């Protein structure tokens, strides 16, 4: 009964999910939609996958006015694109967004030691992972709906806690995201917007039942890092 009540609270809310065309972002978008959330599916290059996901979600809509999901291209490292992303959410759904899920991120598949990490690869990861999180979080802090229900959720990684060799740039960029989340939680105190860094328990964190969880780094990793 508690689960259904929490889910009902999300109907009519709007979420912007960055990096939502595939991977974790896609699964988060699908889960949020199952809870009644309307979605802005952000992508940078995977337009086919983003459009397909939006079409699939809209096809399942019943009583609600379409669309309940739109795909929007935006580079999260570009401030103009980020502003346009929030503009589009307001235009499509006639309300400020309530939820930001920051999933957009890149890593280095070569997993180089720090001594072998190029400046270009370091900058590429910080540009998306840290700068992108900063720009989307900053816009959300200004524009998410006030008065309760506002959520900023920033995806980090257990690698920050594990300190694995080969992940220096990636872990450093995500550590920046975690610290940003803690600080913005204090800065938004009293606004009804709560930021968190998490991996997979978003369905609960975006509900009203989670309003007292604020500024937390929640690791969902099967005990890999404790």
N, C-alpha and C. Protein backbone atom coordinates (compact mmCIF):
# COMPACT_ATOMS: atom_id res chain seq x y z
N UNK A 1 0.84 -1.21 0.00
CA UNK A 1 0.00 0.00 0.00
C UNK A 1 0.87 1.25 0.00
N UNK A 2 1.95 1.21 0.78
CA UNK A 2 2.84 2.37 0.83
C UNK A 2 3.46 2.65 -0.51
N UNK A 3 3.81 1.58 -1.25
CA UNK A 3 4.44 1.77 -2.56
C UNK A 3 3.50 2.43 -3.53
N UNK A 4 2.21 2.01 -3.53
CA UNK A 4 1.26 2.59 -4.47
C UNK A 4 0.99 4.05 -4.13
N UNK A 5 0.98 4.38 -2.84
CA UNK A 5 0.78 5.77 -2.44
C UNK A 5 1.92 6.65 -2.91
N UNK A 6 3.15 6.15 -2.74
CA UNK A 6 4.31 6.91 -3.17
C UNK A 6 4.30 7.12 -4.66
N UNK A 7 3.90 6.07 -5.40
CA UNK A 7 3.88 6.17 -6.85
C UNK A 7 2.86 7.19 -7.31
N UNK A 8 1.67 7.20 -6.65
CA UNK A 8 0.62 8.12 -7.05
C UNK A 8 1.07 9.56 -6.92
N UNK A 9 1.97 9.82 -5.98
CA UNK A 9 2.45 11.18 -5.76
C UNK A 9 3.22 11.73 -6.96
N UNK A 10 3.68 10.87 -7.86
CA UNK A 10 4.53 11.31 -8.96
C UNK A 10 3.76 11.63 -10.24
N UNK A 11 2.50 11.31 -10.29
CA UNK A 11 1.73 11.60 -11.50
C UNK A 11 1.66 13.10 -11.74
N UNK A 12 1.99 13.50 -12.96
CA UNK A 12 1.98 14.91 -13.33
C UNK A 12 3.31 15.60 -13.14
N UNK A 13 4.25 14.96 -12.47
CA UNK A 13 5.58 15.57 -12.33
C UNK A 13 6.40 15.34 -13.59
N UNK A 14 7.33 16.24 -13.81
CA UNK A 14 8.15 16.23 -15.03
C UNK A 14 9.61 16.03 -14.64
N UNK A 15 10.26 15.08 -15.31
CA UNK A 15 11.67 14.81 -15.05
C UNK A 15 12.49 15.02 -16.32
N UNK A 16 13.63 15.67 -16.16
CA UNK A 16 14.64 15.74 -17.22
C UNK A 16 15.70 14.69 -16.87
N UNK A 17 15.91 13.74 -17.77
CA UNK A 17 16.92 12.70 -17.56
C UNK A 17 17.99 12.87 -18.62
N UNK A 18 19.18 13.28 -18.22
CA UNK A 18 20.26 13.45 -19.20
C UNK A 18 20.91 12.10 -19.47
N UNK A 19 21.42 11.95 -20.69
CA UNK A 19 22.02 10.67 -21.07
C UNK A 19 21.03 9.53 -21.01
N UNK A 20 19.78 9.79 -21.44
CA UNK A 20 18.70 8.83 -21.23
C UNK A 20 18.43 7.92 -22.42
N UNK A 21 19.21 8.03 -23.48
CA UNK A 21 18.93 7.22 -24.66
C UNK A 21 19.37 5.77 -24.50
N UNK A 22 20.25 5.51 -23.53
CA UNK A 22 20.76 4.14 -23.36
C UNK A 22 21.31 3.96 -21.95
N UNK A 23 21.66 2.73 -21.62
CA UNK A 23 22.30 2.43 -20.35
C UNK A 23 21.44 2.75 -19.13
N UNK A 24 22.10 3.20 -18.06
CA UNK A 24 21.41 3.50 -16.81
C UNK A 24 20.35 4.57 -17.01
N UNK A 25 20.66 5.60 -17.80
CA UNK A 25 19.70 6.66 -18.03
C UNK A 25 18.41 6.17 -18.64
N UNK A 26 18.52 5.25 -19.59
CA UNK A 26 17.33 4.68 -20.24
C UNK A 26 16.49 3.91 -19.23
N UNK A 27 17.12 3.08 -18.42
CA UNK A 27 16.39 2.28 -17.45
C UNK A 27 15.73 3.17 -16.40
N UNK A 28 16.40 4.24 -16.01
CA UNK A 28 15.82 5.18 -15.06
C UNK A 28 14.58 5.84 -15.66
N UNK A 29 14.68 6.26 -16.92
CA UNK A 29 13.54 6.89 -17.58
C UNK A 29 12.34 5.95 -17.63
N UNK A 30 12.59 4.70 -17.99
CA UNK A 30 11.50 3.72 -18.05
C UNK A 30 10.87 3.52 -16.68
N UNK A 31 11.70 3.44 -15.65
CA UNK A 31 11.17 3.24 -14.29
C UNK A 31 10.37 4.46 -13.83
N UNK A 32 10.87 5.65 -14.08
CA UNK A 32 10.14 6.84 -13.68
C UNK A 32 8.79 6.93 -14.39
N UNK A 33 8.78 6.54 -15.65
CA UNK A 33 7.51 6.57 -16.38
C UNK A 33 6.50 5.60 -15.77
N UNK A 34 6.99 4.46 -15.26
CA UNK A 34 6.10 3.49 -14.62
C UNK A 34 5.48 4.06 -13.35
N UNK A 35 6.09 5.11 -12.80
CA UNK A 35 5.57 5.77 -11.60
C UNK A 35 4.71 6.98 -11.94
N UNK A 36 4.49 7.23 -13.23
CA UNK A 36 3.62 8.31 -13.64
C UNK A 36 4.30 9.60 -14.03
N UNK A 37 5.63 9.61 -14.06
CA UNK A 37 6.38 10.82 -14.37
C UNK A 37 6.39 11.09 -15.88
N UNK A 38 6.26 12.35 -16.26
CA UNK A 38 6.45 12.75 -17.66
C UNK A 38 7.93 13.05 -17.87
N UNK A 39 8.42 12.77 -19.08
CA UNK A 39 9.87 12.71 -19.27
C UNK A 39 10.39 13.56 -20.41
N UNK A 40 11.53 14.20 -20.15
CA UNK A 40 12.37 14.78 -21.20
C UNK A 40 13.58 13.86 -21.31
N UNK A 41 13.67 13.16 -22.42
CA UNK A 41 14.74 12.18 -22.66
C UNK A 41 15.86 12.89 -23.39
N UNK A 42 16.90 13.23 -22.66
CA UNK A 42 18.02 13.96 -23.26
C UNK A 42 19.03 13.01 -23.88
N UNK A 43 19.60 13.43 -25.00
CA UNK A 43 20.66 12.67 -25.66
C UNK A 43 21.61 13.65 -26.33
N UNK A 44 22.81 13.17 -26.64
CA UNK A 44 23.77 13.99 -27.37
C UNK A 44 23.94 13.51 -28.80
N UNK A 45 24.05 12.20 -28.98
CA UNK A 45 24.30 11.66 -30.33
C UNK A 45 23.38 10.51 -30.71
N UNK A 46 22.79 9.83 -29.74
CA UNK A 46 22.00 8.63 -30.03
C UNK A 46 20.54 8.99 -30.30
N UNK A 47 20.30 9.73 -31.39
CA UNK A 47 18.95 10.22 -31.68
C UNK A 47 17.97 9.08 -31.96
N UNK A 48 18.42 8.06 -32.66
CA UNK A 48 17.53 6.95 -33.00
C UNK A 48 17.03 6.26 -31.74
N UNK A 49 17.94 5.99 -30.81
CA UNK A 49 17.56 5.31 -29.57
C UNK A 49 16.66 6.19 -28.70
N UNK A 50 16.95 7.49 -28.65
CA UNK A 50 16.14 8.40 -27.85
C UNK A 50 14.74 8.53 -28.42
N UNK A 51 14.64 8.70 -29.74
CA UNK A 51 13.33 8.81 -30.38
C UNK A 51 12.52 7.53 -30.22
N UNK A 52 13.20 6.39 -30.31
CA UNK A 52 12.51 5.11 -30.15
C UNK A 52 11.96 4.96 -28.74
N UNK A 53 12.75 5.34 -27.74
CA UNK A 53 12.28 5.25 -26.36
C UNK A 53 11.08 6.15 -26.13
N UNK A 54 11.15 7.39 -26.63
CA UNK A 54 10.02 8.31 -26.47
C UNK A 54 8.77 7.75 -27.14
N UNK A 55 8.93 7.19 -28.33
CA UNK A 55 7.79 6.60 -29.06
C UNK A 55 7.18 5.44 -28.29
N UNK A 56 8.04 4.58 -27.74
CA UNK A 56 7.56 3.43 -26.99
C UNK A 56 6.78 3.86 -25.75
N UNK A 57 7.28 4.85 -25.05
CA UNK A 57 6.60 5.32 -23.85
C UNK A 57 5.29 6.02 -24.18
N UNK A 58 5.28 6.81 -25.24
CA UNK A 58 4.04 7.48 -25.64
C UNK A 58 2.99 6.48 -26.10
N UNK A 59 3.43 5.40 -26.73
CA UNK A 59 2.50 4.38 -27.23
C UNK A 59 1.78 3.67 -26.09
N UNK A 60 2.39 3.66 -24.92
CA UNK A 60 1.80 2.98 -23.76
C UNK A 60 0.89 3.89 -22.95
N UNK A 61 0.87 5.18 -23.28
CA UNK A 61 0.04 6.12 -22.53
C UNK A 61 -1.43 5.83 -22.77
N UNK A 62 -2.24 6.03 -21.75
CA UNK A 62 -3.67 5.74 -21.88
C UNK A 62 -4.50 7.02 -21.72
N UNK A 63 -4.81 7.38 -20.48
CA UNK A 63 -5.72 8.51 -20.26
C UNK A 63 -5.02 9.86 -20.31
N UNK A 64 -3.71 9.87 -20.25
CA UNK A 64 -3.00 11.15 -20.18
C UNK A 64 -2.90 11.82 -21.54
N UNK A 65 -2.81 13.13 -21.51
CA UNK A 65 -2.62 13.90 -22.74
C UNK A 65 -1.21 13.70 -23.26
N UNK A 66 -1.10 13.35 -24.53
CA UNK A 66 0.22 13.16 -25.14
C UNK A 66 0.85 14.51 -25.46
N UNK A 67 2.19 14.62 -25.50
CA UNK A 67 3.11 13.52 -25.20
C UNK A 67 3.37 13.38 -23.70
N UNK A 68 3.79 12.19 -23.30
CA UNK A 68 4.25 12.01 -21.93
C UNK A 68 5.77 11.84 -21.91
N UNK A 69 6.37 11.79 -23.10
CA UNK A 69 7.83 11.71 -23.21
C UNK A 69 8.27 12.38 -24.49
N UNK A 70 9.33 13.19 -24.41
CA UNK A 70 9.91 13.82 -25.60
C UNK A 70 11.42 13.63 -25.57
N UNK A 71 12.00 13.44 -26.75
CA UNK A 71 13.45 13.31 -26.87
C UNK A 71 14.03 14.67 -27.27
N UNK A 72 15.04 15.12 -26.55
CA UNK A 72 15.62 16.44 -26.78
C UNK A 72 17.14 16.33 -26.84
N UNK A 73 17.71 16.79 -27.95
CA UNK A 73 19.17 16.79 -28.09
C UNK A 73 19.76 17.98 -27.36
N UNK A 74 20.78 17.74 -26.54
CA UNK A 74 21.47 18.82 -25.84
C UNK A 74 22.81 18.31 -25.34
N UNK A 75 23.83 19.11 -25.53
CA UNK A 75 25.16 18.83 -25.00
C UNK A 75 25.23 19.41 -23.59
N UNK A 76 25.33 18.56 -22.58
CA UNK A 76 25.26 19.06 -21.20
C UNK A 76 26.46 19.92 -20.82
N UNK A 77 27.51 19.88 -21.62
CA UNK A 77 28.68 20.74 -21.33
C UNK A 77 28.54 22.12 -21.95
N UNK A 78 27.43 22.36 -22.66
CA UNK A 78 27.18 23.64 -23.32
C UNK A 78 26.07 24.38 -22.57
N UNK A 79 26.35 25.53 -21.97
CA UNK A 79 25.33 26.21 -21.16
C UNK A 79 24.09 26.61 -21.95
N UNK A 80 24.24 26.98 -23.21
CA UNK A 80 23.08 27.34 -24.02
C UNK A 80 22.19 26.12 -24.26
N UNK A 81 22.80 24.97 -24.52
CA UNK A 81 22.04 23.74 -24.71
C UNK A 81 21.29 23.36 -23.44
N UNK A 82 21.93 23.53 -22.30
CA UNK A 82 21.29 23.17 -21.03
C UNK A 82 20.08 24.07 -20.77
N UNK A 83 20.22 25.36 -21.02
CA UNK A 83 19.07 26.26 -20.85
C UNK A 83 17.94 25.86 -21.80
N UNK A 84 18.28 25.51 -23.02
CA UNK A 84 17.27 25.10 -24.00
C UNK A 84 16.57 23.81 -23.57
N UNK A 85 17.31 22.94 -22.91
CA UNK A 85 16.74 21.68 -22.42
C UNK A 85 15.64 21.95 -21.41
N UNK A 86 15.89 22.86 -20.49
CA UNK A 86 14.88 23.21 -19.49
C UNK A 86 13.74 24.00 -20.13
N UNK A 87 14.05 24.85 -21.10
CA UNK A 87 13.01 25.57 -21.83
C UNK A 87 12.05 24.59 -22.50
N UNK A 88 12.62 23.58 -23.13
CA UNK A 88 11.80 22.61 -23.86
C UNK A 88 10.87 21.85 -22.91
N UNK A 89 11.37 21.52 -21.74
CA UNK A 89 10.53 20.84 -20.75
C UNK A 89 9.32 21.70 -20.40
N UNK A 90 9.54 22.98 -20.18
CA UNK A 90 8.45 23.88 -19.82
C UNK A 90 7.48 24.07 -20.98
N UNK A 91 8.01 24.14 -22.21
CA UNK A 91 7.15 24.31 -23.38
C UNK A 91 6.27 23.09 -23.62
N UNK A 92 6.84 21.91 -23.48
CA UNK A 92 6.11 20.68 -23.78
C UNK A 92 5.06 20.36 -22.72
N UNK A 93 5.38 20.60 -21.45
CA UNK A 93 4.51 20.13 -20.37
C UNK A 93 3.86 21.26 -19.58
N UNK A 94 4.07 22.51 -19.98
CA UNK A 94 3.40 23.67 -19.39
C UNK A 94 3.64 23.80 -17.90
N UNK A 95 4.80 23.40 -17.46
CA UNK A 95 5.16 23.52 -16.05
C UNK A 95 6.67 23.45 -15.92
N UNK A 96 7.24 24.09 -14.90
CA UNK A 96 8.67 23.87 -14.66
C UNK A 96 8.92 22.40 -14.36
N UNK A 97 10.08 21.91 -14.72
CA UNK A 97 10.44 20.54 -14.37
C UNK A 97 10.50 20.40 -12.85
N UNK A 98 10.21 19.20 -12.38
CA UNK A 98 10.27 18.92 -10.95
C UNK A 98 11.52 18.14 -10.56
N UNK A 99 12.06 17.38 -11.52
CA UNK A 99 13.13 16.43 -11.23
C UNK A 99 14.22 16.54 -12.28
N UNK A 100 15.47 16.57 -11.84
CA UNK A 100 16.61 16.43 -12.74
C UNK A 100 17.36 15.17 -12.35
N UNK A 101 17.56 14.27 -13.32
CA UNK A 101 18.40 13.09 -13.13
C UNK A 101 19.61 13.27 -14.05
N UNK A 102 20.77 13.50 -13.47
CA UNK A 102 21.97 13.73 -14.26
C UNK A 102 22.71 12.40 -14.50
N UNK A 103 22.45 11.79 -15.66
CA UNK A 103 23.07 10.50 -16.00
C UNK A 103 24.16 10.63 -17.05
N UNK A 104 24.18 11.71 -17.79
CA UNK A 104 25.15 11.85 -18.88
C UNK A 104 26.57 11.73 -18.33
N UNK A 105 27.36 10.88 -18.94
CA UNK A 105 28.72 10.70 -18.46
C UNK A 105 29.56 9.91 -19.45
N UNK A 106 30.86 10.07 -19.36
CA UNK A 106 31.79 9.33 -20.22
C UNK A 106 32.93 8.79 -19.35
N UNK A 107 33.53 7.70 -19.83
CA UNK A 107 34.72 7.16 -19.17
C UNK A 107 35.75 6.85 -20.25
N UNK A 108 36.92 6.43 -19.83
CA UNK A 108 38.00 6.10 -20.76
C UNK A 108 38.14 4.59 -20.83
N UNK A 109 37.72 3.95 -21.93
CA UNK A 109 37.77 2.49 -22.03
C UNK A 109 39.18 1.92 -22.01
N UNK A 110 40.18 2.77 -22.12
CA UNK A 110 41.57 2.29 -22.07
C UNK A 110 42.01 2.06 -20.62
N UNK A 111 41.32 2.66 -19.67
CA UNK A 111 41.65 2.55 -18.25
C UNK A 111 43.14 2.76 -17.99
N UNK A 112 43.66 3.92 -18.40
CA UNK A 112 45.11 4.14 -18.27
C UNK A 112 45.52 4.50 -16.85
N UNK A 113 46.75 4.19 -16.51
CA UNK A 113 47.32 4.71 -15.27
C UNK A 113 47.38 6.22 -15.37
N UNK A 114 47.42 6.90 -14.23
CA UNK A 114 47.46 8.36 -14.24
C UNK A 114 48.63 8.87 -15.09
N UNK A 115 49.78 8.20 -15.00
CA UNK A 115 50.96 8.63 -15.75
C UNK A 115 50.75 8.54 -17.25
N UNK A 116 49.80 7.70 -17.68
CA UNK A 116 49.54 7.52 -19.11
C UNK A 116 48.27 8.23 -19.58
N UNK A 117 47.62 8.96 -18.69
CA UNK A 117 46.39 9.67 -19.05
C UNK A 117 46.74 10.96 -19.78
N UNK A 118 46.17 11.15 -20.96
CA UNK A 118 46.45 12.36 -21.73
C UNK A 118 45.61 13.52 -21.20
N UNK A 119 46.08 14.72 -21.44
CA UNK A 119 45.32 15.91 -21.06
C UNK A 119 43.98 15.92 -21.77
N UNK A 120 43.98 15.48 -23.03
CA UNK A 120 42.74 15.47 -23.82
C UNK A 120 41.70 14.53 -23.21
N UNK A 121 42.15 13.34 -22.78
CA UNK A 121 41.21 12.40 -22.17
C UNK A 121 40.72 12.90 -20.81
N UNK A 122 41.63 13.50 -20.04
CA UNK A 122 41.24 14.08 -18.75
C UNK A 122 40.18 15.17 -18.96
N UNK A 123 40.44 16.07 -19.89
CA UNK A 123 39.51 17.16 -20.15
C UNK A 123 38.17 16.65 -20.66
N UNK A 124 38.20 15.60 -21.50
CA UNK A 124 36.96 15.06 -22.05
C UNK A 124 36.05 14.55 -20.94
N UNK A 125 36.63 13.87 -19.97
CA UNK A 125 35.81 13.33 -18.87
C UNK A 125 35.30 14.44 -17.96
N UNK A 126 36.14 15.40 -17.63
CA UNK A 126 35.69 16.50 -16.78
C UNK A 126 34.67 17.38 -17.50
N UNK A 127 34.80 17.50 -18.81
CA UNK A 127 33.89 18.35 -19.58
C UNK A 127 32.46 17.84 -19.49
N UNK A 128 32.28 16.53 -19.59
CA UNK A 128 30.93 15.95 -19.52
C UNK A 128 30.54 15.65 -18.07
N UNK A 129 31.39 14.92 -17.37
CA UNK A 129 31.01 14.43 -16.05
C UNK A 129 30.90 15.53 -15.00
N UNK A 130 31.88 16.42 -14.94
CA UNK A 130 31.87 17.47 -13.91
C UNK A 130 31.22 18.76 -14.41
N UNK A 131 31.67 19.26 -15.56
CA UNK A 131 31.08 20.49 -16.10
C UNK A 131 29.61 20.27 -16.44
N UNK A 132 29.29 19.14 -17.06
CA UNK A 132 27.90 18.84 -17.40
C UNK A 132 27.02 18.77 -16.17
N UNK A 133 27.53 18.14 -15.11
CA UNK A 133 26.77 18.08 -13.86
C UNK A 133 26.58 19.47 -13.27
N UNK A 134 27.63 20.28 -13.33
CA UNK A 134 27.55 21.65 -12.82
C UNK A 134 26.48 22.45 -13.56
N UNK A 135 26.52 22.41 -14.89
CA UNK A 135 25.60 23.23 -15.68
C UNK A 135 24.15 22.79 -15.49
N UNK A 136 23.90 21.49 -15.49
CA UNK A 136 22.52 21.02 -15.33
C UNK A 136 22.03 21.25 -13.90
N UNK A 137 22.92 21.04 -12.93
CA UNK A 137 22.54 21.27 -11.54
C UNK A 137 22.28 22.76 -11.29
N UNK A 138 23.11 23.61 -11.85
CA UNK A 138 22.91 25.05 -11.69
C UNK A 138 21.57 25.48 -12.27
N UNK A 139 21.25 24.98 -13.46
CA UNK A 139 19.98 25.35 -14.08
C UNK A 139 18.81 24.82 -13.26
N UNK A 140 18.96 23.60 -12.76
CA UNK A 140 17.89 23.02 -11.95
C UNK A 140 17.68 23.81 -10.66
N UNK A 141 18.77 24.25 -10.04
CA UNK A 141 18.66 25.03 -8.81
C UNK A 141 17.88 26.32 -9.04
N UNK A 142 17.96 26.86 -10.24
CA UNK A 142 17.24 28.09 -10.57
C UNK A 142 15.80 27.84 -11.00
N UNK A 143 15.55 26.66 -11.62
CA UNK A 143 14.29 26.53 -12.36
C UNK A 143 13.38 25.38 -11.96
N UNK A 144 13.82 24.45 -11.14
CA UNK A 144 12.91 23.39 -10.72
C UNK A 144 11.75 23.98 -9.92
N UNK A 145 10.62 23.28 -9.97
CA UNK A 145 9.44 23.72 -9.22
C UNK A 145 9.76 23.82 -7.74
N UNK A 146 9.35 24.91 -7.12
CA UNK A 146 9.59 25.14 -5.70
C UNK A 146 8.41 24.62 -4.86
N UNK A 147 8.63 24.58 -3.56
CA UNK A 147 7.54 24.28 -2.65
C UNK A 147 7.34 22.81 -2.37
N UNK A 148 8.29 21.96 -2.73
CA UNK A 148 8.16 20.52 -2.47
C UNK A 148 8.14 19.73 -3.76
N UNK A 149 8.75 18.56 -3.72
CA UNK A 149 8.75 17.68 -4.89
C UNK A 149 9.93 17.88 -5.81
N UNK A 150 10.71 18.94 -5.61
CA UNK A 150 11.88 19.17 -6.45
C UNK A 150 13.01 18.23 -6.08
N UNK A 151 13.60 17.57 -7.07
CA UNK A 151 14.67 16.63 -6.80
C UNK A 151 15.80 16.81 -7.82
N UNK A 152 17.03 16.84 -7.33
CA UNK A 152 18.21 16.81 -8.19
C UNK A 152 18.97 15.54 -7.83
N UNK A 153 19.09 14.63 -8.78
CA UNK A 153 19.76 13.36 -8.53
C UNK A 153 20.92 13.23 -9.52
N UNK A 154 22.11 13.09 -8.96
CA UNK A 154 23.33 13.10 -9.77
C UNK A 154 24.00 11.74 -9.67
N UNK A 155 24.15 11.08 -10.80
CA UNK A 155 24.71 9.73 -10.81
C UNK A 155 26.23 9.80 -10.65
N UNK A 156 26.72 9.11 -9.64
CA UNK A 156 28.15 9.04 -9.40
C UNK A 156 28.63 7.62 -9.71
N UNK A 157 29.63 7.14 -9.01
CA UNK A 157 30.16 5.80 -9.24
C UNK A 157 30.82 5.28 -7.97
N UNK A 158 30.72 3.97 -7.76
CA UNK A 158 31.38 3.36 -6.62
C UNK A 158 32.89 3.41 -6.73
N UNK A 159 33.39 3.70 -7.94
CA UNK A 159 34.84 3.81 -8.14
C UNK A 159 35.43 4.93 -7.28
N UNK A 160 34.62 5.94 -6.97
CA UNK A 160 35.10 7.02 -6.10
C UNK A 160 35.51 6.46 -4.74
N UNK A 161 34.70 5.52 -4.23
CA UNK A 161 35.03 4.92 -2.95
C UNK A 161 36.06 3.81 -3.04
N UNK A 162 36.10 3.13 -4.19
CA UNK A 162 37.01 1.99 -4.34
C UNK A 162 38.43 2.41 -4.70
N UNK A 163 38.58 3.58 -5.33
CA UNK A 163 39.90 4.08 -5.74
C UNK A 163 40.66 3.05 -6.56
N UNK A 164 40.03 2.56 -7.64
CA UNK A 164 40.64 1.53 -8.47
C UNK A 164 41.69 2.12 -9.40
N UNK A 165 42.82 1.47 -9.57
CA UNK A 165 43.82 1.91 -10.55
C UNK A 165 43.21 1.93 -11.95
N UNK A 166 43.62 2.90 -12.76
CA UNK A 166 43.11 3.02 -14.11
C UNK A 166 41.90 3.92 -14.24
N UNK A 167 41.43 4.44 -13.12
CA UNK A 167 40.22 5.27 -13.12
C UNK A 167 40.47 6.67 -12.57
N UNK A 168 41.70 7.14 -12.61
CA UNK A 168 42.02 8.41 -11.94
C UNK A 168 41.16 9.56 -12.44
N UNK A 169 41.12 9.77 -13.75
CA UNK A 169 40.36 10.90 -14.30
C UNK A 169 38.86 10.71 -14.08
N UNK A 170 38.37 9.51 -14.34
CA UNK A 170 36.94 9.24 -14.19
C UNK A 170 36.50 9.42 -12.74
N UNK A 171 37.24 8.80 -11.81
CA UNK A 171 36.87 8.90 -10.40
C UNK A 171 36.97 10.34 -9.90
N UNK A 172 38.00 11.06 -10.34
CA UNK A 172 38.14 12.46 -9.92
C UNK A 172 36.97 13.30 -10.41
N UNK A 173 36.53 13.06 -11.65
CA UNK A 173 35.41 13.83 -12.19
C UNK A 173 34.11 13.53 -11.44
N UNK A 174 33.93 12.28 -11.03
CA UNK A 174 32.73 11.91 -10.29
C UNK A 174 32.80 12.33 -8.83
N UNK A 175 34.01 12.38 -8.27
CA UNK A 175 34.15 12.90 -6.91
C UNK A 175 33.73 14.36 -6.86
N UNK A 176 34.03 15.09 -7.92
CA UNK A 176 33.59 16.48 -8.01
C UNK A 176 32.07 16.57 -7.99
N UNK A 177 31.41 15.63 -8.66
CA UNK A 177 29.95 15.59 -8.68
C UNK A 177 29.40 15.34 -7.28
N UNK A 178 30.01 14.41 -6.55
CA UNK A 178 29.53 14.11 -5.20
C UNK A 178 29.65 15.33 -4.28
N UNK A 179 30.77 16.00 -4.33
CA UNK A 179 30.95 17.18 -3.47
C UNK A 179 29.98 18.29 -3.87
N UNK A 180 29.76 18.44 -5.18
CA UNK A 180 28.82 19.44 -5.66
C UNK A 180 27.43 19.17 -5.09
N UNK A 181 27.02 17.90 -5.09
CA UNK A 181 25.72 17.54 -4.56
C UNK A 181 25.56 17.87 -3.09
N UNK A 182 26.61 17.64 -2.31
CA UNK A 182 26.54 17.94 -0.88
C UNK A 182 26.42 19.44 -0.62
N UNK A 183 27.16 20.22 -1.38
CA UNK A 183 27.14 21.67 -1.17
C UNK A 183 25.83 22.28 -1.63
N UNK A 184 25.35 21.87 -2.81
CA UNK A 184 24.11 22.46 -3.31
C UNK A 184 22.93 22.08 -2.42
N UNK A 185 23.00 20.93 -1.75
CA UNK A 185 21.95 20.55 -0.81
C UNK A 185 21.83 21.58 0.31
N UNK A 186 22.97 22.06 0.79
CA UNK A 186 22.96 23.09 1.84
C UNK A 186 22.48 24.43 1.29
N UNK A 187 22.88 24.73 0.06
CA UNK A 187 22.50 26.01 -0.53
C UNK A 187 21.01 26.07 -0.85
N UNK A 188 20.39 24.92 -1.10
CA UNK A 188 18.97 24.89 -1.45
C UNK A 188 18.08 24.59 -0.24
N UNK A 189 18.65 24.61 0.94
CA UNK A 189 17.88 24.34 2.15
C UNK A 189 16.65 25.25 2.23
N UNK A 190 15.50 24.65 2.45
CA UNK A 190 14.27 25.41 2.57
C UNK A 190 13.53 25.63 1.27
N UNK A 191 14.15 25.24 0.14
CA UNK A 191 13.51 25.47 -1.17
C UNK A 191 12.56 24.35 -1.56
N UNK A 192 12.63 23.21 -0.86
CA UNK A 192 11.84 22.05 -1.26
C UNK A 192 12.52 21.21 -2.31
N UNK A 193 13.76 21.57 -2.68
CA UNK A 193 14.53 20.80 -3.65
C UNK A 193 15.63 20.06 -2.90
N UNK A 194 15.73 18.75 -3.10
CA UNK A 194 16.75 17.97 -2.40
C UNK A 194 17.65 17.28 -3.41
N UNK A 195 18.96 17.54 -3.36
CA UNK A 195 19.91 16.86 -4.24
C UNK A 195 20.50 15.62 -3.57
N UNK A 196 20.75 14.57 -4.37
CA UNK A 196 21.39 13.35 -3.89
C UNK A 196 22.25 12.75 -4.99
N UNK A 197 23.28 12.00 -4.59
CA UNK A 197 24.09 11.21 -5.52
C UNK A 197 23.73 9.75 -5.29
N UNK A 198 23.25 9.05 -6.32
CA UNK A 198 22.78 7.68 -6.14
C UNK A 198 23.11 6.84 -7.35
N UNK A 199 22.78 5.57 -7.29
CA UNK A 199 23.01 4.69 -8.42
C UNK A 199 21.72 4.11 -8.96
N UNK A 200 20.78 3.64 -8.11
CA UNK A 200 19.63 2.94 -8.68
C UNK A 200 18.33 3.06 -7.89
N UNK A 201 18.28 3.79 -6.81
CA UNK A 201 17.06 3.81 -6.00
C UNK A 201 16.26 5.09 -6.25
N UNK A 202 16.33 5.55 -7.48
CA UNK A 202 15.70 6.82 -7.85
C UNK A 202 14.19 6.80 -7.66
N UNK A 203 13.56 5.66 -7.95
CA UNK A 203 12.11 5.58 -7.84
C UNK A 203 11.60 6.01 -6.48
N UNK A 204 12.34 5.70 -5.42
CA UNK A 204 11.95 6.13 -4.08
C UNK A 204 12.37 7.57 -3.81
N UNK A 205 13.58 7.93 -4.21
CA UNK A 205 14.11 9.25 -3.86
C UNK A 205 13.31 10.40 -4.45
N UNK A 206 12.63 10.17 -5.57
CA UNK A 206 11.87 11.26 -6.18
C UNK A 206 10.47 11.40 -5.59
N UNK A 207 10.07 10.51 -4.68
CA UNK A 207 8.75 10.61 -4.08
C UNK A 207 8.76 11.54 -2.88
N UNK A 208 7.56 11.93 -2.44
CA UNK A 208 7.45 12.78 -1.26
C UNK A 208 7.90 12.05 0.00
N UNK A 209 7.84 10.72 -0.01
CA UNK A 209 8.26 9.94 1.16
C UNK A 209 9.74 10.12 1.47
N UNK A 210 10.51 10.58 0.47
CA UNK A 210 11.97 10.72 0.64
C UNK A 210 12.39 12.15 0.93
N UNK A 211 11.46 13.00 1.36
CA UNK A 211 11.78 14.42 1.49
C UNK A 211 12.84 14.71 2.56
N UNK A 212 13.04 13.78 3.50
CA UNK A 212 14.05 14.00 4.54
C UNK A 212 15.41 13.40 4.17
N UNK A 213 15.52 12.83 2.98
CA UNK A 213 16.83 12.39 2.48
C UNK A 213 17.37 13.52 1.62
N UNK A 214 18.47 14.12 2.03
CA UNK A 214 18.94 15.34 1.37
C UNK A 214 20.46 15.40 1.44
N UNK A 215 21.10 15.64 0.29
CA UNK A 215 22.55 15.82 0.26
C UNK A 215 23.34 14.55 0.49
N UNK A 216 22.76 13.40 0.21
CA UNK A 216 23.40 12.13 0.53
C UNK A 216 24.08 11.48 -0.68
N UNK A 217 25.17 10.76 -0.41
CA UNK A 217 25.79 9.88 -1.39
C UNK A 217 25.36 8.47 -1.01
N UNK A 218 24.54 7.84 -1.84
CA UNK A 218 23.99 6.53 -1.53
C UNK A 218 24.59 5.53 -2.51
N UNK A 219 25.40 4.61 -2.01
CA UNK A 219 26.06 3.65 -2.89
C UNK A 219 25.23 2.37 -2.97
N UNK A 220 24.83 2.02 -4.19
CA UNK A 220 24.08 0.79 -4.43
C UNK A 220 24.99 -0.10 -5.25
N UNK A 221 25.75 -0.97 -4.58
CA UNK A 221 26.80 -1.71 -5.28
C UNK A 221 27.00 -3.12 -4.74
N UNK A 222 26.00 -3.65 -4.02
CA UNK A 222 26.11 -5.01 -3.51
C UNK A 222 27.19 -5.20 -2.48
N UNK A 223 27.62 -4.13 -1.83
CA UNK A 223 28.65 -4.21 -0.81
C UNK A 223 30.06 -4.10 -1.35
N UNK A 224 30.19 -3.75 -2.64
CA UNK A 224 31.53 -3.62 -3.25
C UNK A 224 32.36 -2.57 -2.53
N UNK A 225 31.72 -1.45 -2.18
CA UNK A 225 32.37 -0.41 -1.37
C UNK A 225 31.47 -0.13 -0.18
N UNK A 226 32.01 -0.21 1.03
CA UNK A 226 31.22 -0.02 2.25
C UNK A 226 31.73 1.22 2.99
